[in-house]
N, C-alpha and C. Protein backbone atom coordinates (compact mmCIF):
# COMPACT_ATOMS: atom_id res chain seq x y z
N MET A 1 6.17 5.01 16.68
CA MET A 1 6.03 5.87 15.13
C MET A 1 5.45 7.12 15.83
N HIS A 2 6.40 7.70 14.71
CA HIS A 2 6.33 9.28 14.85
C HIS A 2 4.60 9.78 13.89
N ARG A 3 4.83 10.73 14.08
CA ARG A 3 3.48 12.12 13.92
C ARG A 3 3.54 12.27 12.35
N VAL A 4 2.86 11.17 12.07
CA VAL A 4 2.29 11.53 10.18
C VAL A 4 1.30 12.56 10.01
N GLN A 5 2.53 13.84 9.51
CA GLN A 5 1.29 15.43 9.48
C GLN A 5 1.53 15.58 7.73
N PHE A 6 1.84 14.56 7.15
CA PHE A 6 2.17 15.11 5.41
C PHE A 6 1.98 13.51 4.53
N GLY A 7 1.00 13.19 4.14
CA GLY A 7 1.43 12.30 3.41
C GLY A 7 0.81 12.36 1.85
N SER A 8 1.97 12.20 0.66
CA SER A 8 1.71 12.60 -0.53
C SER A 8 0.93 11.63 -1.02
N VAL A 9 -0.33 12.15 -2.12
CA VAL A 9 -1.06 10.35 -2.49
C VAL A 9 -0.84 10.96 -4.46
N SER A 10 -0.29 10.01 -4.89
CA SER A 10 0.25 9.78 -6.41
C SER A 10 -0.58 8.59 -7.07
N ILE A 11 -0.74 8.94 -8.41
CA ILE A 11 -0.75 7.27 -9.54
C ILE A 11 -0.05 7.38 -10.25
N THR A 12 0.70 7.03 -10.92
CA THR A 12 1.55 6.57 -11.76
C THR A 12 1.07 5.15 -12.55
N LYS A 13 1.03 5.27 -13.99
CA LYS A 13 0.74 4.66 -14.96
C LYS A 13 2.43 3.37 -14.96
N LEU A 14 1.67 1.76 -15.22
CA LEU A 14 3.01 0.50 -15.30
C LEU A 14 2.41 0.10 -16.60
N LYS A 15 3.05 0.08 -17.81
CA LYS A 15 2.97 -0.46 -18.86
C LYS A 15 2.65 -1.36 -19.06
N GLY A 16 1.65 -1.91 -19.71
CA GLY A 16 1.01 -3.25 -19.41
C GLY A 16 1.41 -4.37 -20.86
N PRO A 17 0.84 -5.24 -20.97
CA PRO A 17 1.68 -6.17 -22.33
C PRO A 17 1.92 -5.53 -23.42
N ILE A 18 0.75 -5.16 -24.09
CA ILE A 18 0.78 -4.32 -25.32
C ILE A 18 0.63 -3.07 -25.44
N LYS A 19 0.40 -2.37 -26.56
CA LYS A 19 0.78 -0.93 -26.54
C LYS A 19 -0.88 0.03 -26.25
N TRP A 20 -0.33 0.97 -25.31
CA TRP A 20 -2.01 1.65 -25.09
C TRP A 20 -2.65 0.75 -23.85
N THR A 21 -1.82 0.04 -23.27
CA THR A 21 -2.01 -0.96 -22.08
C THR A 21 -1.75 -0.24 -20.71
N TYR A 22 -2.33 -0.12 -19.36
CA TYR A 22 -1.46 -0.05 -18.77
C TYR A 22 -2.29 -0.37 -17.31
N PHE A 23 -1.09 -0.20 -16.43
CA PHE A 23 -1.49 -0.91 -14.98
C PHE A 23 -1.14 0.12 -13.93
N TYR A 24 -2.74 1.22 -13.37
CA TYR A 24 -2.32 1.68 -12.92
C TYR A 24 -1.94 1.73 -10.98
N LEU A 25 -0.87 2.39 -10.50
CA LEU A 25 -0.73 2.43 -9.31
C LEU A 25 -0.69 3.62 -8.59
N TYR A 26 -1.33 3.16 -7.58
CA TYR A 26 -1.63 4.19 -6.59
C TYR A 26 -1.24 3.63 -5.17
N VAL A 27 0.05 5.23 -5.02
CA VAL A 27 0.63 5.17 -3.60
C VAL A 27 0.82 6.31 -2.42
N ILE A 28 0.41 5.95 -1.23
CA ILE A 28 0.35 7.32 -0.03
C ILE A 28 1.92 7.10 0.52
N LEU A 29 2.55 8.22 0.41
CA LEU A 29 3.89 8.20 1.12
C LEU A 29 3.83 9.44 2.17
N ASP A 30 4.74 8.72 3.40
CA ASP A 30 4.39 10.07 4.16
C ASP A 30 5.86 10.72 3.93
N ILE A 31 5.68 12.13 3.48
CA ILE A 31 6.96 12.83 3.08
C ILE A 31 7.82 13.03 4.28
N PHE A 32 7.73 12.99 4.69
CA PHE A 32 8.97 12.84 6.59
C PHE A 32 9.83 11.76 6.39
N SER A 33 9.33 10.29 6.98
CA SER A 33 9.80 9.53 6.32
C SER A 33 10.47 8.98 4.94
N ARG A 34 9.53 8.71 4.29
CA ARG A 34 9.55 8.10 3.05
C ARG A 34 9.23 7.35 2.62
N TYR A 35 8.06 6.73 4.20
CA TYR A 35 7.57 5.66 4.10
C TYR A 35 6.16 5.20 3.45
N VAL A 36 6.62 4.54 2.59
CA VAL A 36 5.32 4.05 1.97
C VAL A 36 3.96 3.38 3.10
N VAL A 37 3.13 4.11 3.00
CA VAL A 37 2.06 4.14 4.04
C VAL A 37 1.12 2.72 3.50
N GLY A 38 0.89 3.12 2.37
CA GLY A 38 -0.28 2.31 1.49
C GLY A 38 -0.18 2.49 -0.37
N TRP A 39 -0.64 1.09 -0.59
CA TRP A 39 -0.33 1.05 -2.36
C TRP A 39 -1.87 0.60 -2.17
N MET A 40 -1.87 0.35 -3.91
CA MET A 40 -2.29 -0.19 -4.74
C MET A 40 -2.37 -0.14 -6.08
N ILE A 41 -2.39 -1.35 -6.98
CA ILE A 41 -2.82 -1.87 -8.58
C ILE A 41 -4.12 -1.58 -9.09
N ALA A 42 -4.69 -1.17 -9.92
CA ALA A 42 -5.63 -1.33 -10.04
C ALA A 42 -5.79 -1.73 -11.92
N MET A 43 -6.77 -1.28 -12.33
CA MET A 43 -6.80 -1.46 -14.26
C MET A 43 -7.37 0.20 -14.62
N ARG A 44 -7.89 0.39 -13.68
CA ARG A 44 -8.05 1.80 -14.23
C ARG A 44 -7.72 3.12 -12.93
N GLU A 45 -7.68 4.12 -13.35
CA GLU A 45 -8.17 5.25 -12.48
C GLU A 45 -9.32 5.61 -12.16
N ALA A 46 -9.27 6.02 -10.37
CA ALA A 46 -10.88 6.34 -10.01
C ALA A 46 -10.96 6.88 -9.26
N GLY A 47 -11.64 7.69 -8.71
CA GLY A 47 -11.58 7.98 -7.49
C GLY A 47 -12.26 6.91 -6.28
N LYS A 48 -13.47 6.22 -6.44
CA LYS A 48 -13.56 5.28 -5.47
C LYS A 48 -12.25 3.87 -5.18
N LEU A 49 -11.54 4.19 -6.30
CA LEU A 49 -10.71 3.18 -5.66
C LEU A 49 -9.50 3.85 -4.81
N ALA A 50 -9.47 5.07 -5.15
CA ALA A 50 -8.56 6.32 -4.55
C ALA A 50 -8.69 6.40 -2.83
N GLU A 51 -10.54 6.14 -2.53
CA GLU A 51 -11.46 6.55 -1.36
C GLU A 51 -10.99 5.00 -0.42
N ARG A 52 -10.72 4.02 -1.15
CA ARG A 52 -10.52 2.68 -0.24
C ARG A 52 -9.22 2.62 0.05
N LEU A 53 -8.08 3.22 -0.88
CA LEU A 53 -7.15 2.77 -0.23
C LEU A 53 -7.00 3.90 1.08
N ILE A 54 -7.36 5.14 0.97
CA ILE A 54 -6.99 6.24 1.62
C ILE A 54 -7.20 5.94 3.04
N ALA A 55 -9.14 5.07 2.89
CA ALA A 55 -9.63 4.28 4.50
C ALA A 55 -8.77 3.92 4.98
N GLU A 56 -8.47 2.55 3.64
CA GLU A 56 -7.55 1.56 4.51
C GLU A 56 -6.37 1.62 5.39
N THR A 57 -5.59 2.90 4.08
CA THR A 57 -4.73 3.45 5.58
C THR A 57 -4.57 4.29 6.83
N TYR A 58 -6.03 4.92 6.47
CA TYR A 58 -5.97 5.78 7.72
C TYR A 58 -6.50 5.16 8.91
N GLU A 59 -6.78 3.59 8.97
CA GLU A 59 -7.22 2.43 9.91
C GLU A 59 -5.41 2.08 10.16
N LYS A 60 -4.96 1.19 9.05
CA LYS A 60 -3.84 0.61 9.01
C LYS A 60 -2.92 1.47 10.74
N GLN A 61 -2.85 2.64 10.05
CA GLN A 61 -1.82 4.24 10.58
C GLN A 61 -2.35 4.08 11.93
N GLY A 62 -3.84 4.29 12.61
CA GLY A 62 -4.20 5.06 13.47
C GLY A 62 -4.43 6.32 13.55
N ILE A 63 -4.74 7.30 12.06
CA ILE A 63 -4.24 8.17 12.26
C ILE A 63 -5.39 8.42 13.02
N THR A 64 -5.71 9.89 13.40
CA THR A 64 -6.57 10.22 14.22
C THR A 64 -7.22 11.52 13.51
N PRO A 65 -7.95 12.51 13.81
CA PRO A 65 -9.00 12.99 12.87
C PRO A 65 -8.29 14.74 13.08
N GLY A 66 -7.62 15.34 11.55
CA GLY A 66 -6.72 16.69 12.32
C GLY A 66 -5.43 16.45 12.52
N GLN A 67 -4.82 15.15 12.23
CA GLN A 67 -3.85 14.99 12.68
C GLN A 67 -2.79 14.54 10.93
N VAL A 68 -3.33 14.45 10.31
CA VAL A 68 -2.40 14.45 8.98
C VAL A 68 -3.81 15.40 7.88
N THR A 69 -2.35 16.05 6.51
CA THR A 69 -2.91 16.57 5.67
C THR A 69 -2.39 16.14 4.38
N VAL A 70 -3.44 16.10 3.53
CA VAL A 70 -3.06 15.02 2.13
C VAL A 70 -2.94 15.92 1.03
N HIS A 71 -1.71 15.44 0.72
CA HIS A 71 -1.69 16.30 -0.85
C HIS A 71 -0.99 15.55 -1.51
N ALA A 72 -1.79 16.15 -3.19
CA ALA A 72 -2.23 14.98 -3.89
C ALA A 72 -2.05 15.90 -5.37
N ASP A 73 -1.95 15.86 -6.32
CA ASP A 73 -1.62 16.09 -7.91
C ASP A 73 -3.23 16.00 -8.06
N ARG A 74 -3.50 16.90 -9.16
CA ARG A 74 -4.94 17.04 -9.52
C ARG A 74 -5.41 16.31 -11.16
N GLY A 75 -5.15 15.36 -10.57
CA GLY A 75 -5.56 13.65 -11.71
C GLY A 75 -6.86 14.00 -11.09
N THR A 76 -7.69 12.72 -12.10
CA THR A 76 -8.52 13.39 -11.78
C THR A 76 -9.74 11.99 -10.84
N ALA A 77 -8.91 10.91 -10.57
CA ALA A 77 -9.11 10.40 -8.99
C ALA A 77 -8.81 11.36 -7.49
N ALA A 78 -7.84 11.70 -7.59
CA ALA A 78 -7.42 12.52 -6.76
C ALA A 78 -8.34 13.55 -6.34
N LYS A 79 -9.00 14.75 -7.44
CA LYS A 79 -9.86 15.84 -7.47
C LYS A 79 -11.33 15.02 -7.33
N SER A 80 -11.58 13.78 -7.54
CA SER A 80 -12.68 13.33 -7.43
C SER A 80 -13.44 13.60 -6.13
N LEU A 81 -14.83 13.85 -6.52
CA LEU A 81 -15.96 14.29 -5.04
C LEU A 81 -16.31 13.37 -4.27
N THR A 82 -15.53 12.13 -4.58
CA THR A 82 -16.20 10.61 -4.02
C THR A 82 -14.65 10.97 -2.72
N VAL A 83 -13.61 11.06 -3.54
CA VAL A 83 -12.70 11.52 -2.39
C VAL A 83 -12.21 12.60 -1.40
N ALA A 84 -12.86 13.86 -1.87
CA ALA A 84 -13.12 14.82 -1.24
C ALA A 84 -14.26 14.45 0.10
N GLN A 85 -14.72 13.96 -0.63
CA GLN A 85 -15.84 13.54 0.81
C GLN A 85 -15.49 12.62 1.57
N LYS A 86 -14.34 11.52 1.80
CA LYS A 86 -13.94 10.64 2.49
C LYS A 86 -12.68 11.41 2.93
N LEU A 87 -12.30 12.40 2.40
CA LEU A 87 -11.18 13.11 3.53
C LEU A 87 -11.54 13.58 4.21
N THR A 88 -12.88 14.70 4.16
CA THR A 88 -13.89 15.12 5.16
C THR A 88 -14.54 14.24 5.86
N ASN A 89 -14.56 13.34 5.89
CA ASN A 89 -15.50 12.39 6.82
C ASN A 89 -14.06 11.76 7.63
N LEU A 90 -13.26 11.87 7.48
CA LEU A 90 -11.71 10.98 7.84
C LEU A 90 -11.11 12.42 9.24
N GLY A 91 -11.66 13.27 8.62
CA GLY A 91 -11.04 14.59 9.67
C GLY A 91 -10.11 15.22 8.66
N LEU A 92 -9.18 14.53 7.36
CA LEU A 92 -7.95 14.96 6.97
C LEU A 92 -7.96 16.24 5.98
N ASP A 93 -7.08 17.41 6.24
CA ASP A 93 -6.91 17.92 5.68
C ASP A 93 -6.72 17.84 4.27
N LYS A 94 -6.38 18.11 3.41
CA LYS A 94 -6.11 18.49 1.85
C LYS A 94 -5.37 19.85 0.96
N THR A 95 -4.69 19.19 0.37
CA THR A 95 -3.59 20.33 -0.54
C THR A 95 -3.36 19.67 -1.73
N PHE A 96 -3.22 20.45 -2.69
CA PHE A 96 -3.09 20.10 -3.94
C PHE A 96 -2.02 20.67 -4.98
N THR A 97 -1.51 20.27 -6.10
CA THR A 97 -0.77 21.01 -6.98
C THR A 97 -0.88 22.47 -7.21
N ARG A 98 -0.41 22.88 -7.68
CA ARG A 98 -0.90 23.92 -8.47
C ARG A 98 -1.06 23.95 -9.85
N PRO A 99 -1.79 24.53 -10.73
CA PRO A 99 -2.67 24.19 -12.23
C PRO A 99 -1.21 24.46 -12.64
N HIS A 100 -0.59 23.36 -13.79
CA HIS A 100 0.05 23.43 -14.57
C HIS A 100 1.62 22.85 -13.81
N THR A 101 1.57 22.50 -12.63
CA THR A 101 2.83 22.79 -12.08
C THR A 101 3.22 20.98 -11.53
N PRO A 102 4.16 20.14 -12.46
CA PRO A 102 4.11 19.04 -11.72
C PRO A 102 4.66 18.76 -10.66
N THR A 103 5.84 19.84 -10.81
CA THR A 103 7.27 19.83 -10.26
C THR A 103 5.86 20.08 -8.15
N ASP A 104 4.94 20.20 -8.25
CA ASP A 104 4.39 20.53 -6.66
C ASP A 104 4.15 19.06 -6.12
N ASN A 105 4.64 18.20 -6.53
CA ASN A 105 4.70 16.94 -5.91
C ASN A 105 5.74 15.41 -5.68
N PRO A 106 7.22 16.98 -5.57
CA PRO A 106 8.46 15.90 -5.40
C PRO A 106 8.65 14.75 -4.94
N TYR A 107 7.83 14.42 -3.74
CA TYR A 107 8.01 13.47 -2.88
C TYR A 107 7.89 11.95 -3.93
N SER A 108 7.18 11.90 -4.13
CA SER A 108 6.06 11.22 -5.04
C SER A 108 7.16 10.99 -6.29
N GLU A 109 6.97 11.85 -6.98
CA GLU A 109 7.67 11.92 -8.06
C GLU A 109 9.52 11.50 -8.06
N SER A 110 10.12 11.96 -6.94
CA SER A 110 11.34 11.36 -6.43
C SER A 110 10.91 9.45 -6.54
N HIS A 111 9.93 9.40 -5.73
CA HIS A 111 9.49 7.85 -5.35
C HIS A 111 9.63 7.12 -6.42
N PHE A 112 8.99 7.30 -7.20
CA PHE A 112 8.37 6.33 -8.88
C PHE A 112 9.38 6.66 -9.35
N LYS A 113 10.52 7.33 -9.41
CA LYS A 113 11.65 8.02 -10.46
C LYS A 113 12.48 6.84 -9.75
N THR A 114 12.48 6.30 -8.62
CA THR A 114 13.64 6.00 -7.78
C THR A 114 13.07 4.38 -8.62
N MET A 115 11.78 3.99 -8.32
CA MET A 115 11.35 2.32 -8.93
C MET A 115 11.40 2.32 -9.82
N LYS A 116 11.19 3.24 -11.19
CA LYS A 116 11.43 3.09 -12.42
C LYS A 116 12.91 2.94 -13.28
N TYR A 117 13.40 3.43 -12.27
CA TYR A 117 15.50 3.67 -12.74
C TYR A 117 15.80 2.49 -12.12
N GLN A 118 15.09 1.41 -11.56
CA GLN A 118 15.77 0.24 -10.74
C GLN A 118 16.00 -0.72 -12.16
N PRO A 119 17.08 -1.63 -11.90
CA PRO A 119 17.98 -2.27 -13.04
C PRO A 119 17.01 -3.70 -13.20
N ASP A 120 15.81 -4.05 -12.25
CA ASP A 120 15.29 -5.05 -13.07
C ASP A 120 13.53 -4.38 -13.39
N PHE A 121 13.08 -3.13 -13.29
CA PHE A 121 11.59 -2.41 -13.90
C PHE A 121 11.82 -2.67 -15.18
N PRO A 122 10.68 -3.93 -15.71
CA PRO A 122 10.91 -3.94 -16.91
C PRO A 122 10.20 -2.73 -17.53
N ALA A 123 10.48 -3.20 -19.61
CA ALA A 123 9.73 -1.73 -19.73
C ALA A 123 8.38 -2.21 -20.30
N ARG A 124 7.79 -3.22 -19.96
CA ARG A 124 6.47 -3.39 -19.93
C ARG A 124 6.20 -4.81 -18.73
N PHE A 125 5.14 -4.95 -18.48
CA PHE A 125 4.33 -6.07 -17.08
C PHE A 125 3.52 -7.07 -18.35
N GLY A 126 4.11 -8.50 -17.80
CA GLY A 126 3.28 -9.02 -18.88
C GLY A 126 1.75 -9.19 -18.57
N CYS A 127 1.17 -8.77 -17.21
CA CYS A 127 0.20 -9.35 -16.66
C CYS A 127 -0.49 -8.70 -15.09
N PHE A 128 -1.39 -8.32 -15.11
CA PHE A 128 -1.48 -7.64 -13.52
C PHE A 128 -0.39 -8.71 -12.15
N GLU A 129 -1.18 -9.43 -12.61
CA GLU A 129 0.11 -10.20 -11.09
C GLU A 129 1.75 -10.33 -11.41
N ASP A 130 1.98 -9.91 -12.97
CA ASP A 130 3.32 -9.31 -12.43
C ASP A 130 3.87 -8.34 -11.83
N ALA A 131 2.82 -7.26 -12.20
CA ALA A 131 3.20 -5.99 -11.83
C ALA A 131 2.73 -6.05 -10.15
N HIS A 132 2.03 -6.61 -9.47
CA HIS A 132 1.40 -6.63 -8.14
C HIS A 132 2.64 -7.24 -7.54
N SER A 133 3.16 -7.96 -8.38
CA SER A 133 4.61 -9.06 -7.86
C SER A 133 5.68 -8.46 -7.32
N PHE A 134 5.98 -7.51 -8.64
CA PHE A 134 7.23 -6.56 -8.95
C PHE A 134 7.09 -5.67 -7.74
N CYS A 135 5.78 -5.02 -7.26
CA CYS A 135 5.55 -3.69 -6.78
C CYS A 135 5.60 -4.22 -5.34
N ARG A 136 5.34 -5.41 -5.19
CA ARG A 136 5.50 -5.86 -3.24
C ARG A 136 6.50 -5.94 -3.61
N GLY A 137 7.89 -6.53 -4.11
CA GLY A 137 8.54 -6.62 -3.44
C GLY A 137 9.81 -5.17 -3.35
N PHE A 138 9.21 -4.50 -4.34
CA PHE A 138 9.66 -3.34 -4.49
C PHE A 138 9.50 -2.42 -3.15
N PHE A 139 8.46 -2.38 -3.30
CA PHE A 139 7.78 -1.41 -1.83
C PHE A 139 8.52 -1.98 -0.20
N THR A 140 8.84 -3.25 -0.28
CA THR A 140 9.24 -4.17 0.84
C THR A 140 10.89 -3.51 0.95
N TRP A 141 11.37 -4.11 -0.27
CA TRP A 141 13.17 -3.10 -0.36
C TRP A 141 12.95 -1.42 0.03
N TYR A 142 12.05 -1.18 -0.68
CA TYR A 142 11.80 0.58 -0.20
C TYR A 142 12.69 0.70 0.82
N ASN A 143 11.17 0.50 1.73
CA ASN A 143 10.97 1.10 2.94
C ASN A 143 11.99 0.36 3.80
N THR A 144 12.49 -0.78 4.00
CA THR A 144 13.52 -1.69 4.89
C THR A 144 14.52 -1.60 4.28
N VAL A 145 15.47 -1.34 3.31
CA VAL A 145 16.44 -2.01 3.18
C VAL A 145 17.01 -0.88 2.61
N HIS A 146 16.52 -0.17 1.28
CA HIS A 146 17.02 1.23 0.92
C HIS A 146 17.38 2.71 1.45
N ARG A 147 18.64 2.96 1.81
CA ARG A 147 18.69 3.99 2.25
C ARG A 147 18.83 5.18 1.78
N HIS A 148 17.74 6.14 2.55
CA HIS A 148 17.37 7.34 1.04
C HIS A 148 18.76 8.04 1.91
N SER A 149 18.91 9.33 1.11
CA SER A 149 20.03 10.31 0.93
C SER A 149 19.08 11.33 2.01
N GLY A 150 18.21 11.47 1.47
CA GLY A 150 17.27 12.93 2.12
C GLY A 150 17.06 12.57 3.87
N ILE A 151 17.22 11.30 4.41
CA ILE A 151 16.54 11.38 5.45
C ILE A 151 17.95 11.10 6.45
N GLY A 152 18.83 11.25 5.89
CA GLY A 152 20.50 10.75 6.60
C GLY A 152 20.70 9.31 6.40
N TYR A 153 20.99 8.81 5.47
CA TYR A 153 20.98 7.64 4.97
C TYR A 153 20.07 6.44 5.94
N LEU A 154 19.50 6.62 6.27
CA LEU A 154 18.87 5.62 7.33
C LEU A 154 17.41 5.18 5.90
N THR A 155 16.76 3.96 6.08
CA THR A 155 15.75 3.25 5.54
C THR A 155 14.17 4.47 6.10
N PRO A 156 12.99 4.08 5.08
CA PRO A 156 12.17 4.68 5.65
C PRO A 156 11.57 4.19 6.87
N GLU A 157 11.38 2.79 7.01
CA GLU A 157 10.84 2.26 8.05
C GLU A 157 11.70 2.53 9.26
N MET A 158 12.90 2.72 9.53
CA MET A 158 13.49 3.46 11.14
C MET A 158 13.32 4.88 11.48
N VAL A 159 12.90 5.87 10.17
CA VAL A 159 12.59 6.60 10.85
C VAL A 159 11.12 6.96 10.93
N HIS A 160 9.91 5.83 10.38
CA HIS A 160 9.04 5.91 10.00
C HIS A 160 8.29 5.47 11.50
N TYR A 161 9.10 4.01 12.72
CA TYR A 161 8.46 4.06 13.43
C TYR A 161 9.48 4.22 14.46
N GLY A 162 9.80 5.51 14.39
CA GLY A 162 11.14 5.91 15.68
C GLY A 162 12.21 5.40 15.76
N HIS A 163 12.86 4.68 15.38
CA HIS A 163 14.45 3.91 15.38
C HIS A 163 15.61 5.17 15.15
N ALA A 164 15.32 6.27 14.03
CA ALA A 164 15.96 6.92 13.98
C ALA A 164 17.20 7.10 14.64
N ALA A 165 16.85 7.30 15.68
CA ALA A 165 17.74 8.60 17.18
C ALA A 165 18.94 6.96 17.57
N ASP A 166 18.49 5.76 18.04
CA ASP A 166 18.96 5.31 18.21
C ASP A 166 20.47 4.43 17.09
N VAL A 167 19.67 4.90 15.52
CA VAL A 167 20.29 4.40 14.75
C VAL A 167 21.45 5.17 14.61
N ILE A 168 21.23 6.33 14.40
CA ILE A 168 22.00 7.52 14.52
C ILE A 168 23.41 7.25 16.10
N ASP A 169 23.40 7.10 17.04
CA ASP A 169 23.31 7.37 18.19
C ASP A 169 24.61 5.55 17.79
N ALA A 170 23.94 4.83 17.37
CA ALA A 170 25.21 3.54 17.34
C ALA A 170 26.29 4.26 15.75
N ARG A 171 25.73 4.82 15.15
CA ARG A 171 26.79 5.14 13.74
C ARG A 171 28.07 6.10 14.38
N ARG A 172 27.66 7.22 15.35
CA ARG A 172 28.38 7.40 15.98
C ARG A 172 29.19 6.53 16.79
N VAL A 173 28.75 5.74 17.36
CA VAL A 173 29.61 5.51 18.40
C VAL A 173 31.23 4.87 17.02
N VAL A 174 30.68 4.17 16.50
CA VAL A 174 31.39 3.79 15.05
C VAL A 174 32.53 4.17 14.97
N LEU A 175 31.89 5.37 14.18
CA LEU A 175 32.81 6.65 13.78
C LEU A 175 33.63 7.22 14.66
N GLN A 176 33.49 7.33 16.34
CA GLN A 176 34.42 7.73 17.08
C GLN A 176 35.37 6.70 17.35
N GLY A 177 34.99 5.42 17.52
CA GLY A 177 35.75 4.40 17.21
C GLY A 177 37.23 4.36 16.10
N ALA A 178 36.32 4.23 15.07
CA ALA A 178 37.09 4.54 14.00
C ALA A 178 38.36 5.83 14.27
N SER A 179 37.87 7.12 14.37
CA SER A 179 38.47 8.15 14.83
C SER A 179 39.89 7.99 15.63
N ASP A 180 39.87 7.59 16.84
CA ASP A 180 40.30 7.13 17.91
C ASP A 180 41.18 6.22 17.40
N ALA A 181 41.18 5.45 16.39
CA ALA A 181 41.90 4.13 16.37
C ALA A 181 43.16 4.88 14.93
N HIS A 182 41.82 5.74 14.42
CA HIS A 182 42.98 6.32 13.11
C HIS A 182 43.17 7.60 13.34
N PRO A 183 43.23 8.56 14.08
CA PRO A 183 43.19 10.02 14.18
C PRO A 183 43.57 10.46 12.88
N GLU A 184 44.84 10.03 12.11
CA GLU A 184 45.82 10.39 11.14
C GLU A 184 44.45 10.90 10.14
N ARG A 185 43.56 9.54 9.75
CA ARG A 185 42.45 10.30 9.21
C ARG A 185 41.46 11.13 9.22
N PHE A 186 41.51 11.87 10.04
CA PHE A 186 40.40 12.61 10.61
C PHE A 186 41.12 13.67 10.38
N VAL A 187 41.74 14.60 10.30
CA VAL A 187 42.44 15.97 10.25
C VAL A 187 41.53 16.51 10.53
N ASN A 188 40.83 16.90 9.62
CA ASN A 188 40.30 18.56 9.14
C ASN A 188 38.78 18.49 10.53
N LYS A 189 38.37 17.11 10.75
CA LYS A 189 37.23 17.40 11.87
C LYS A 189 37.12 16.34 12.39
N LYS A 190 36.15 15.57 13.09
CA LYS A 190 35.84 14.28 13.91
C LYS A 190 34.76 13.94 13.03
N PRO A 191 34.71 12.76 12.48
CA PRO A 191 33.61 12.33 11.75
C PRO A 191 32.39 12.43 12.25
N GLU A 192 31.00 12.12 11.79
CA GLU A 192 29.72 12.61 12.26
C GLU A 192 29.15 11.57 11.49
N PRO A 193 27.54 11.09 11.66
CA PRO A 193 26.82 10.34 11.42
C PRO A 193 25.72 11.87 10.56
N ALA A 194 25.44 11.18 9.30
CA ALA A 194 24.72 12.17 8.62
C ALA A 194 23.33 12.29 9.42
N PRO A 195 22.87 13.85 9.63
CA PRO A 195 21.83 14.31 10.70
C PRO A 195 20.30 13.92 9.83
N LEU A 196 19.14 13.31 10.79
CA LEU A 196 17.81 13.23 10.40
C LEU A 196 17.31 14.87 9.97
N PRO A 197 16.70 15.47 9.08
CA PRO A 197 16.16 16.34 8.98
C PRO A 197 15.34 16.75 10.16
N GLU A 198 15.31 18.38 10.23
CA GLU A 198 14.66 18.30 10.89
C GLU A 198 13.45 18.63 10.46
N ALA A 199 12.75 19.00 9.20
CA ALA A 199 11.45 19.28 8.60
C ALA A 199 11.78 19.16 7.13
N VAL A 200 10.78 18.53 6.50
CA VAL A 200 10.30 18.88 5.09
C VAL A 200 9.27 19.67 4.79
N TRP A 201 9.94 20.30 3.25
CA TRP A 201 9.07 21.10 2.77
C TRP A 201 8.33 20.78 1.07
N ILE A 202 7.27 21.44 1.12
CA ILE A 202 6.43 21.14 -0.06
C ILE A 202 6.34 22.57 -1.16
N ASN A 203 7.16 22.82 -1.44
CA ASN A 203 7.41 24.37 -2.19
C ASN A 203 7.60 25.38 -0.90
N LYS A 204 8.95 24.96 -0.02
CA LYS A 204 9.23 26.25 0.99
C LYS A 204 8.98 27.73 0.59
N PRO A 205 8.38 27.97 1.31
CA PRO A 205 8.10 30.04 0.91
C PRO A 205 9.23 30.96 1.61
N GLU A 206 9.07 31.82 1.35
CA GLU A 206 10.45 32.20 1.64
C GLU A 206 10.17 33.16 3.26
N ARG A 207 9.15 33.29 3.42
CA ARG A 207 8.76 33.31 4.79
C ARG A 207 8.24 32.25 5.95
N GLU A 208 8.74 31.68 6.85
CA GLU A 208 8.33 30.42 7.19
C GLU A 208 7.12 30.77 8.11
N ALA A 209 6.59 31.67 8.12
CA ALA A 209 5.23 32.31 9.02
C ALA A 209 3.84 31.24 7.64
N GLU A 210 4.39 31.10 6.68
CA GLU A 210 3.56 30.85 5.35
C GLU A 210 3.77 29.60 5.21
N SER A 211 4.61 29.19 6.12
CA SER A 211 4.90 27.65 5.07
C SER A 211 4.07 26.15 5.39
N GLU A 212 4.46 25.62 4.70
CA GLU A 212 3.73 24.15 5.04
C GLU A 212 4.75 23.21 5.30
N VAL A 213 4.61 22.97 6.52
CA VAL A 213 6.35 22.46 7.09
C VAL A 213 5.74 21.31 7.76
N VAL A 214 6.67 20.38 7.61
CA VAL A 214 6.17 18.35 8.11
C VAL A 214 7.22 18.47 8.98
N LEU A 215 7.16 18.78 10.45
CA LEU A 215 8.38 18.43 11.60
C LEU A 215 7.86 16.69 12.04
N HIS A 216 9.03 16.47 12.81
CA HIS A 216 9.32 15.68 13.09
C HIS A 216 8.78 15.24 14.53
């Protein structure tokens, strides 16, 4: 598993069976690999629930103090004193989106868009169990099947658990074979597999020295 350095925590609403009813989906995303390391659905947005998810994910991923910075929006749960204290207790640094700047959490927003634009995403969920069942299936697909353009068309699982280099090498062998067999199809240059990015950014600054950078 690669060394997680930046996690994005966000919450989105899922529409319930009738108007003005919602289920709240909490998600923790490793922004380098795009792997969903933790998620839960609840009936409300609350700091205590976010705290529990963070603690469970921290233990499950084997995170050590000082290893991870958590980036979150300015929602009630993420900004609560219980979450702030839990992050401090676990030795996690934290950053927040800038006020009135919703695009400051782009990885989580992109992830939620991928989910909500799925052809089978319902207009409303009939009950809590329906929402939980859909999300369980979606996150399994997203982590293990979905080929993400931002990580060289690898799956988040491949990158998160350190298999990216082997997969890219295997692709290179296949492409080389295709080039050798049909050189007329590759007259401009030999084919190369899409690379894995060396770093990802949240609000990339003009000067690298001031950066919030996540390295593999």
